[in-house]
C-alpha cells in the first residue's frame, strides 16, 4: 500500500505576500505529516479557494487539521 501524498496550492491572486503563502504551505505540510499514518492512501491536493482573513496561525492550522481528519472519517 502506497503512503498518502500531499500537494498544496496557494494562488498568488488570493495571498499576495510570499511570507503568508509559505506559512500556509508549511502549516499544511506539518499537519499532513502528523496525520499521515491515519490517512487513506490517496494523492491529496489542498487548494486555497477563498482569500483568508486576518492571518491567525492557530486557526489556520486547526482548519487544515479538521479537513484532513474529516477525510479520514469519510473513508471508514
PDB file of N, CA and C in Angstrom:
ATOM      1  N   UNK A   1       0.839  -1.178   0.000  1.00  0.00           N
ATOM      2  CA  UNK A   1       0.000   0.000   0.000  1.00  0.00           C
ATOM      3  C   UNK A   1       0.887   1.245   0.000  1.00  0.00           C
ATOM      4  N   UNK A   2       0.594   2.140  -0.896  1.00  0.00           N
ATOM      5  CA  UNK A   2       1.373   3.366  -1.009  1.00  0.00           C
ATOM      6  C   UNK A   2       0.957   4.376   0.061  1.00  0.00           C
ATOM      7  N   UNK A   3       1.900   5.177   0.556  1.00  0.00           N
ATOM      8  CA  UNK A   3       1.542   6.194   1.555  1.00  0.00           C
ATOM      9  C   UNK A   3       0.800   7.355   0.882  1.00  0.00           C
ATOM     10  N   UNK A   4      -0.011   8.075   1.638  1.00  0.00           N
ATOM     11  CA  UNK A   4      -0.703   9.246   1.065  1.00  0.00           C
ATOM     12  C   UNK A   4       0.310  10.338   0.724  1.00  0.00           C
ATOM     13  N   UNK A   5      -0.016  11.114  -0.301  1.00  0.00           N
ATOM     14  CA  UNK A   5       0.855  12.218  -0.706  1.00  0.00           C
ATOM     15  C   UNK A   5       0.036  13.501  -0.730  1.00  0.00           C
ATOM     16  N   UNK A   6       0.729  14.622  -0.573  1.00  0.00           N
ATOM     17  CA  UNK A   6       0.052  15.912  -0.480  1.00  0.00           C
ATOM     18  C   UNK A   6       0.645  16.910  -1.461  1.00  0.00           C
ATOM     19  N   UNK A   7      -0.248  17.640  -2.125  1.00  0.00           N
ATOM     20  CA  UNK A   7       0.130  18.783  -2.943  1.00  0.00           C
ATOM     21  C   UNK A   7      -0.592  20.002  -2.386  1.00  0.00           C
ATOM     22  N   UNK A   8       0.083  21.133  -2.324  1.00  0.00           N
ATOM     23  CA  UNK A   8      -0.503  22.338  -1.756  1.00  0.00           C
ATOM     24  C   UNK A   8      -0.458  23.452  -2.799  1.00  0.00           C
ATOM     25  N   UNK A   9      -1.622  24.094  -3.016  1.00  0.00           N
ATOM     26  CA  UNK A   9      -1.719  25.190  -3.977  1.00  0.00           C
ATOM     27  C   UNK A   9      -2.263  26.416  -3.243  1.00  0.00           C
ATOM     28  N   UNK A  10      -1.463  27.466  -3.227  1.00  0.00           N
ATOM     29  CA  UNK A  10      -1.882  28.736  -2.624  1.00  0.00           C
ATOM     30  C   UNK A  10      -1.663  29.816  -3.697  1.00  0.00           C
ATOM     31  N   UNK A  11      -2.736  30.202  -4.406  1.00  0.00           N
ATOM     32  CA  UNK A  11      -2.591  31.152  -5.506  1.00  0.00           C
ATOM     33  C   UNK A  11      -2.128  32.537  -5.053  1.00  0.00           C
ATOM     34  N   UNK A  12      -1.263  33.114  -5.845  1.00  0.00           N
ATOM     35  CA  UNK A  12      -0.766  34.466  -5.592  1.00  0.00           C
ATOM     36  C   UNK A  12      -1.910  35.480  -5.668  1.00  0.00           C
ATOM     37  N   UNK A  13      -2.914  35.153  -6.447  1.00  0.00           N
ATOM     38  CA  UNK A  13      -4.075  36.029  -6.589  1.00  0.00           C
ATOM     39  C   UNK A  13      -4.824  36.189  -5.264  1.00  0.00           C
ATOM     40  N   UNK A  14      -4.833  35.131  -4.434  1.00  0.00           N
ATOM     41  CA  UNK A  14      -5.555  35.174  -3.162  1.00  0.00           C
ATOM     42  C   UNK A  14      -4.689  35.652  -1.997  1.00  0.00           C
ATOM     43  N   UNK A  15      -3.404  35.319  -2.032  1.00  0.00           N
ATOM     44  CA  UNK A  15      -2.484  35.719  -0.962  1.00  0.00           C
ATOM     45  C   UNK A  15      -1.268  36.357  -1.613  1.00  0.00           C
ATOM     46  N   UNK A  16      -1.202  37.669  -1.565  1.00  0.00           N
ATOM     47  CA  UNK A  16      -0.148  38.413  -2.274  1.00  0.00           C
ATOM     48  C   UNK A  16       1.243  38.188  -1.678  1.00  0.00           C
ATOM     49  N   UNK A  17       1.361  38.222  -0.366  1.00  0.00           N
ATOM     50  CA  UNK A  17       2.673  38.149   0.284  1.00  0.00           C
ATOM     51  C   UNK A  17       3.213  36.718   0.281  1.00  0.00           C
ATOM     52  N   UNK A  18       4.430  36.568  -0.208  1.00  0.00           N
ATOM     53  CA  UNK A  18       5.064  35.248  -0.253  1.00  0.00           C
ATOM     54  C   UNK A  18       5.226  34.665   1.145  1.00  0.00           C
ATOM     55  N   UNK A  19       5.454  35.511   2.125  1.00  0.00           N
ATOM     56  CA  UNK A  19       5.608  35.046   3.501  1.00  0.00           C
ATOM     57  C   UNK A  19       4.339  34.340   3.973  1.00  0.00           C
ATOM     58  N   UNK A  20       3.179  34.908   3.680  1.00  0.00           N
ATOM     59  CA  UNK A  20       1.902  34.305   4.085  1.00  0.00           C
ATOM     60  C   UNK A  20       1.618  33.032   3.293  1.00  0.00           C
ATOM     61  N   UNK A  21       1.923  33.048   1.983  1.00  0.00           N
ATOM     62  CA  UNK A  21       1.718  31.830   1.176  1.00  0.00           C
ATOM     63  C   UNK A  21       2.568  30.682   1.718  1.00  0.00           C
ATOM     64  N   UNK A  22       3.821  30.977   2.032  1.00  0.00           N
ATOM     65  CA  UNK A  22       4.715  29.947   2.560  1.00  0.00           C
ATOM     66  C   UNK A  22       4.272  29.467   3.932  1.00  0.00           C
ATOM     67  N   UNK A  23       3.737  30.360   4.746  1.00  0.00           N
ATOM     68  CA  UNK A  23       3.223  29.965   6.060  1.00  0.00           C
ATOM     69  C   UNK A  23       2.086  28.963   5.911  1.00  0.00           C
ATOM     70  N   UNK A  24       1.168  29.249   5.009  1.00  0.00           N
ATOM     71  CA  UNK A  24       0.038  28.338   4.771  1.00  0.00           C
ATOM     72  C   UNK A  24       0.542  26.981   4.304  1.00  0.00           C
ATOM     73  N   UNK A  25       1.499  26.980   3.406  1.00  0.00           N
ATOM     74  CA  UNK A  25       2.053  25.721   2.902  1.00  0.00           C
ATOM     75  C   UNK A  25       2.767  24.942   4.005  1.00  0.00           C
ATOM     76  N   UNK A  26       3.544  25.645   4.821  1.00  0.00           N
ATOM     77  CA  UNK A  26       4.257  24.978   5.927  1.00  0.00           C
ATOM     78  C   UNK A  26       3.288  24.352   6.919  1.00  0.00           C
ATOM     79  N   UNK A  27       2.250  25.099   7.275  1.00  0.00           N
ATOM     80  CA  UNK A  27       1.257  24.571   8.213  1.00  0.00           C
ATOM     81  C   UNK A  27       0.559  23.334   7.638  1.00  0.00           C
ATOM     82  N   UNK A  28       0.219  23.388   6.362  1.00  0.00           N
ATOM     83  CA  UNK A  28      -0.451  22.253   5.719  1.00  0.00           C
ATOM     84  C   UNK A  28       0.451  21.021   5.708  1.00  0.00           C
ATOM     85  N   UNK A  29       1.709  21.217   5.361  1.00  0.00           N
ATOM     86  CA  UNK A  29       2.630  20.076   5.319  1.00  0.00           C
ATOM     87  C   UNK A  29       2.856  19.481   6.705  1.00  0.00           C
ATOM     88  N   UNK A  30       2.943  20.335   7.728  1.00  0.00           N
ATOM     89  CA  UNK A  30       3.161  19.848   9.084  1.00  0.00           C
ATOM     90  C   UNK A  30       1.950  19.058   9.589  1.00  0.00           C
ATOM     91  N   UNK A  31       0.753  19.567   9.381  1.00  0.00           N
ATOM     92  CA  UNK A  31      -0.453  18.847   9.814  1.00  0.00           C
ATOM     93  C   UNK A  31      -0.581  17.531   9.059  1.00  0.00           C
ATOM     94  N   UNK A  32      -0.248  17.543   7.777  1.00  0.00           N
ATOM     95  CA  UNK A  32      -0.282  16.318   6.981  1.00  0.00           C
ATOM     96  C   UNK A  32       0.724  15.309   7.523  1.00  0.00           C
ATOM     97  N   UNK A  33       1.915  15.774   7.858  1.00  0.00           N
ATOM     98  CA  UNK A  33       2.954  14.887   8.383  1.00  0.00           C
ATOM     99  C   UNK A  33       2.492  14.222   9.677  1.00  0.00           C
ATOM    100  N   UNK A  34       1.831  14.988  10.540  1.00  0.00           N
ATOM    101  CA  UNK A  34       1.375  14.450  11.818  1.00  0.00           C
ATOM    102  C   UNK A  34       0.234  13.434  11.659  1.00  0.00           C
ATOM    103  N   UNK A  35      -0.602  13.624  10.653  1.00  0.00           N
ATOM    104  CA  UNK A  35      -1.766  12.744  10.457  1.00  0.00           C
ATOM    105  C   UNK A  35      -1.556  11.696   9.361  1.00  0.00           C
ATOM    106  N   UNK A  36      -0.404  11.676   8.760  1.00  0.00           N
ATOM    107  CA  UNK A  36      -0.147  10.825   7.595  1.00  0.00           C
ATOM    108  C   UNK A  36      -0.450   9.352   7.844  1.00  0.00           C
ATOM    109  N   UNK A  37      -0.097   8.845   9.006  1.00  0.00           N
ATOM    110  CA  UNK A  37      -0.293   7.425   9.284  1.00  0.00           C
ATOM    111  C   UNK A  37      -1.778   7.062   9.418  1.00  0.00           C
ATOM    112  N   UNK A  38      -2.627   8.045   9.686  1.00  0.00           N
ATOM    113  CA  UNK A  38      -4.056   7.798   9.863  1.00  0.00           C
ATOM    114  C   UNK A  38      -4.855   7.985   8.575  1.00  0.00           C
ATOM    115  N   UNK A  39      -4.235   8.560   7.555  1.00  0.00           N
ATOM    116  CA  UNK A  39      -4.954   8.891   6.324  1.00  0.00           C
ATOM    117  C   UNK A  39      -4.957   7.725   5.341  1.00  0.00           C
ATOM    118  N   UNK A  40      -6.001   7.659   4.502  1.00  0.00           N
ATOM    119  CA  UNK A  40      -6.040   6.618   3.467  1.00  0.00           C
ATOM    120  C   UNK A  40      -5.002   6.894   2.382  1.00  0.00           C
ATOM    121  N   UNK A  41      -4.708   5.906   1.601  1.00  0.00           N
ATOM    122  CA  UNK A  41      -3.695   6.017   0.555  1.00  0.00           C
ATOM    123  C   UNK A  41      -4.247   6.768  -0.658  1.00  0.00           C
ATOM    124  N   UNK A  42      -4.178   8.076  -0.597  1.00  0.00           N
ATOM    125  CA  UNK A  42      -4.658   8.950  -1.675  1.00  0.00           C
ATOM    126  C   UNK A  42      -3.589   9.967  -2.029  1.00  0.00           C
ATOM    127  N   UNK A  43      -3.693  10.511  -3.210  1.00  0.00           N
ATOM    128  CA  UNK A  43      -2.944  11.709  -3.572  1.00  0.00           C
ATOM    129  C   UNK A  43      -3.880  12.879  -3.296  1.00  0.00           C
ATOM    130  N   UNK A  44      -3.539  13.708  -2.346  1.00  0.00           N
ATOM    131  CA  UNK A  44      -4.391  14.814  -1.924  1.00  0.00           C
ATOM    132  C   UNK A  44      -3.860  16.137  -2.437  1.00  0.00           C
ATOM    133  N   UNK A  45      -4.770  17.003  -2.816  1.00  0.00           N
ATOM    134  CA  UNK A  45      -4.391  18.357  -3.212  1.00  0.00           C
ATOM    135  C   UNK A  45      -5.179  19.313  -2.340  1.00  0.00           C
ATOM    136  N   UNK A  46      -4.465  20.109  -1.578  1.00  0.00           N
ATOM    137  CA  UNK A  46      -5.071  21.123  -0.735  1.00  0.00           C
ATOM    138  C   UNK A  46      -4.935  22.450  -1.482  1.00  0.00           C
ATOM    139  N   UNK A  47      -6.069  23.006  -1.875  1.00  0.00           N
ATOM    140  CA  UNK A  47      -6.058  24.228  -2.663  1.00  0.00           C
ATOM    141  C   UNK A  47      -6.837  25.315  -1.937  1.00  0.00           C
ATOM    142  N   UNK A  48      -6.228  26.454  -1.769  1.00  0.00           N
ATOM    143  CA  UNK A  48      -6.895  27.580  -1.138  1.00  0.00           C
ATOM    144  C   UNK A  48      -7.891  28.144  -2.139  1.00  0.00           C
ATOM    145  N   UNK A  49      -9.167  28.182  -1.744  1.00  0.00           N
ATOM    146  CA  UNK A  49     -10.214  28.594  -2.673  1.00  0.00           C
ATOM    147  C   UNK A  49     -10.752  29.989  -2.383  1.00  0.00           C
ATOM    148  N   UNK A  50     -10.532  30.481  -1.159  1.00  0.00           N
ATOM    149  CA  UNK A  50     -11.033  31.803  -0.791  1.00  0.00           C
ATOM    150  C   UNK A  50      -9.928  32.570  -0.082  1.00  0.00           C
ATOM    151  N   UNK A  51      -9.990  33.860  -0.215  1.00  0.00           N
ATOM    152  CA  UNK A  51      -8.981  34.711   0.408  1.00  0.00           C
ATOM    153  C   UNK A  51      -9.124  34.623   1.932  1.00  0.00           C
ATOM    154  N   UNK A  52      -8.050  34.224   2.628  1.00  0.00           N
ATOM    155  CA  UNK A  52      -8.139  34.132   4.086  1.00  0.00           C
ATOM    156  C   UNK A  52      -8.211  35.520   4.711  1.00  0.00           C
ATOM    157  N   UNK A  53      -8.835  35.589   5.872  1.00  0.00           N
ATOM    158  CA  UNK A  53      -8.951  36.864   6.575  1.00  0.00           C
ATOM    159  C   UNK A  53      -7.644  37.220   7.255  1.00  0.00           C
ATOM    160  N   UNK A  54      -7.759  37.683   8.469  1.00  0.00           N
ATOM    161  CA  UNK A  54      -6.583  38.047   9.257  1.00  0.00           C
ATOM    162  C   UNK A  54      -5.745  36.796   9.498  1.00  0.00           C
ATOM    163  N   UNK A  55      -4.441  36.866   9.273  1.00  0.00           N
ATOM    164  CA  UNK A  55      -3.601  35.671   9.427  1.00  0.00           C
ATOM    165  C   UNK A  55      -3.506  35.225  10.887  1.00  0.00           C
ATOM    166  N   UNK A  56      -4.230  34.178  11.223  1.00  0.00           N
ATOM    167  CA  UNK A  56      -4.197  33.594  12.560  1.00  0.00           C
ATOM    168  C   UNK A  56      -3.661  32.180  12.414  1.00  0.00           C
ATOM    169  N   UNK A  57      -2.427  32.010  12.819  1.00  0.00           N
ATOM    170  CA  UNK A  57      -1.723  30.746  12.611  1.00  0.00           C
ATOM    171  C   UNK A  57      -2.448  29.557  13.243  1.00  0.00           C
ATOM    172  N   UNK A  58      -2.916  29.701  14.472  1.00  0.00           N
ATOM    173  CA  UNK A  58      -3.552  28.575  15.156  1.00  0.00           C
ATOM    174  C   UNK A  58      -4.898  28.219  14.536  1.00  0.00           C
ATOM    175  N   UNK A  59      -5.665  29.223  14.120  1.00  0.00           N
ATOM    176  CA  UNK A  59      -6.961  28.953  13.487  1.00  0.00           C
ATOM    177  C   UNK A  59      -6.766  28.267  12.135  1.00  0.00           C
ATOM    178  N   UNK A  60      -5.780  28.713  11.392  1.00  0.00           N
ATOM    179  CA  UNK A  60      -5.489  28.115  10.091  1.00  0.00           C
ATOM    180  C   UNK A  60      -5.029  26.665  10.249  1.00  0.00           C
ATOM    181  N   UNK A  61      -4.152  26.418  11.209  1.00  0.00           N
ATOM    182  CA  UNK A  61      -3.670  25.059  11.471  1.00  0.00           C
ATOM    183  C   UNK A  61      -4.815  24.147  11.902  1.00  0.00           C
ATOM    184  N   UNK A  62      -5.709  24.663  12.731  1.00  0.00           N
ATOM    185  CA  UNK A  62      -6.851  23.872  13.191  1.00  0.00           C
ATOM    186  C   UNK A  62      -7.780  23.526  12.031  1.00  0.00           C
ATOM    187  N   UNK A  63      -7.992  24.473  11.130  1.00  0.00           N
ATOM    188  CA  UNK A  63      -8.868  24.212   9.979  1.00  0.00           C
ATOM    189  C   UNK A  63      -8.273  23.163   9.049  1.00  0.00           C
ATOM    190  N   UNK A  64      -6.984  23.236   8.819  1.00  0.00           N
ATOM    191  CA  UNK A  64      -6.315  22.248   7.963  1.00  0.00           C
ATOM    192  C   UNK A  64      -6.397  20.862   8.609  1.00  0.00           C
ATOM    193  N   UNK A  65      -6.135  20.810   9.896  1.00  0.00           N
ATOM    194  CA  UNK A  65      -6.205  19.548  10.624  1.00  0.00           C
ATOM    195  C   UNK A  65      -7.618  18.967  10.579  1.00  0.00           C
ATOM    196  N   UNK A  66      -8.609  19.823  10.732  1.00  0.00           N
ATOM    197  CA  UNK A  66     -10.013  19.388  10.680  1.00  0.00           C
ATOM    198  C   UNK A  66     -10.356  18.809   9.309  1.00  0.00           C
ATOM    199  N   UNK A  67      -9.883  19.431   8.257  1.00  0.00           N
ATOM    200  CA  UNK A  67     -10.141  18.927   6.901  1.00  0.00           C
ATOM    201  C   UNK A  67      -9.521  17.549   6.694  1.00  0.00           C
ATOM    202  N   UNK A  68      -8.291  17.374   7.151  1.00  0.00           N
ATOM    203  CA  UNK A  68      -7.622  16.083   6.991  1.00  0.00           C
ATOM    204  C   UNK A  68      -8.298  15.003   7.818  1.00  0.00           C
ATOM    205  N   UNK A  69      -8.720  15.334   9.030  1.00  0.00           N
ATOM    206  CA  UNK A  69      -9.413  14.355   9.864  1.00  0.00           C
ATOM    207  C   UNK A  69     -10.782  14.012   9.290  1.00  0.00           C
ATOM    208  N   UNK A  70     -11.433  14.981   8.696  1.00  0.00           N
ATOM    209  CA  UNK A  70     -12.737  14.750   8.046  1.00  0.00           C
ATOM    210  C   UNK A  70     -12.573  13.739   6.906  1.00  0.00           C
ATOM    211  N   UNK A  71     -11.514  13.883   6.158  1.00  0.00           N
ATOM    212  CA  UNK A  71     -11.232  12.948   5.072  1.00  0.00           C
ATOM    213  C   UNK A  71     -11.038  11.549   5.626  1.00  0.00           C
ATOM    214  N   UNK A  72     -10.338  11.444   6.722  1.00  0.00           N
ATOM    215  CA  UNK A  72     -10.082  10.155   7.355  1.00  0.00           C
ATOM    216  C   UNK A  72     -11.374   9.498   7.809  1.00  0.00           C
ATOM    217  N   UNK A  73     -12.289  10.261   8.378  1.00  0.00           N
ATOM    218  CA  UNK A  73     -13.550   9.696   8.859  1.00  0.00           C
ATOM    219  C   UNK A  73     -14.489   9.304   7.722  1.00  0.00           C
ATOM    220  N   UNK A  74     -14.433   9.992   6.605  1.00  0.00           N
ATOM    221  CA  UNK A  74     -15.289   9.653   5.462  1.00  0.00           C
ATOM    222  C   UNK A  74     -14.864   8.362   4.819  1.00  0.00           C
ATOM    223  N   UNK A  75     -13.594   8.053   4.856  1.00  0.00           N
ATOM    224  CA  UNK A  75     -13.067   6.845   4.225  1.00  0.00           C
ATOM    225  C   UNK A  75     -13.502   5.581   4.949  1.00  0.00           C
ATOM    226  N   UNK A  76     -13.696   5.671   6.260  1.00  0.00           N
ATOM    227  CA  UNK A  76     -14.045   4.477   7.057  1.00  0.00           C
ATOM    228  C   UNK A  76     -15.409   3.988   6.820  1.00  0.00           C
TER     229      UNK A  76
END
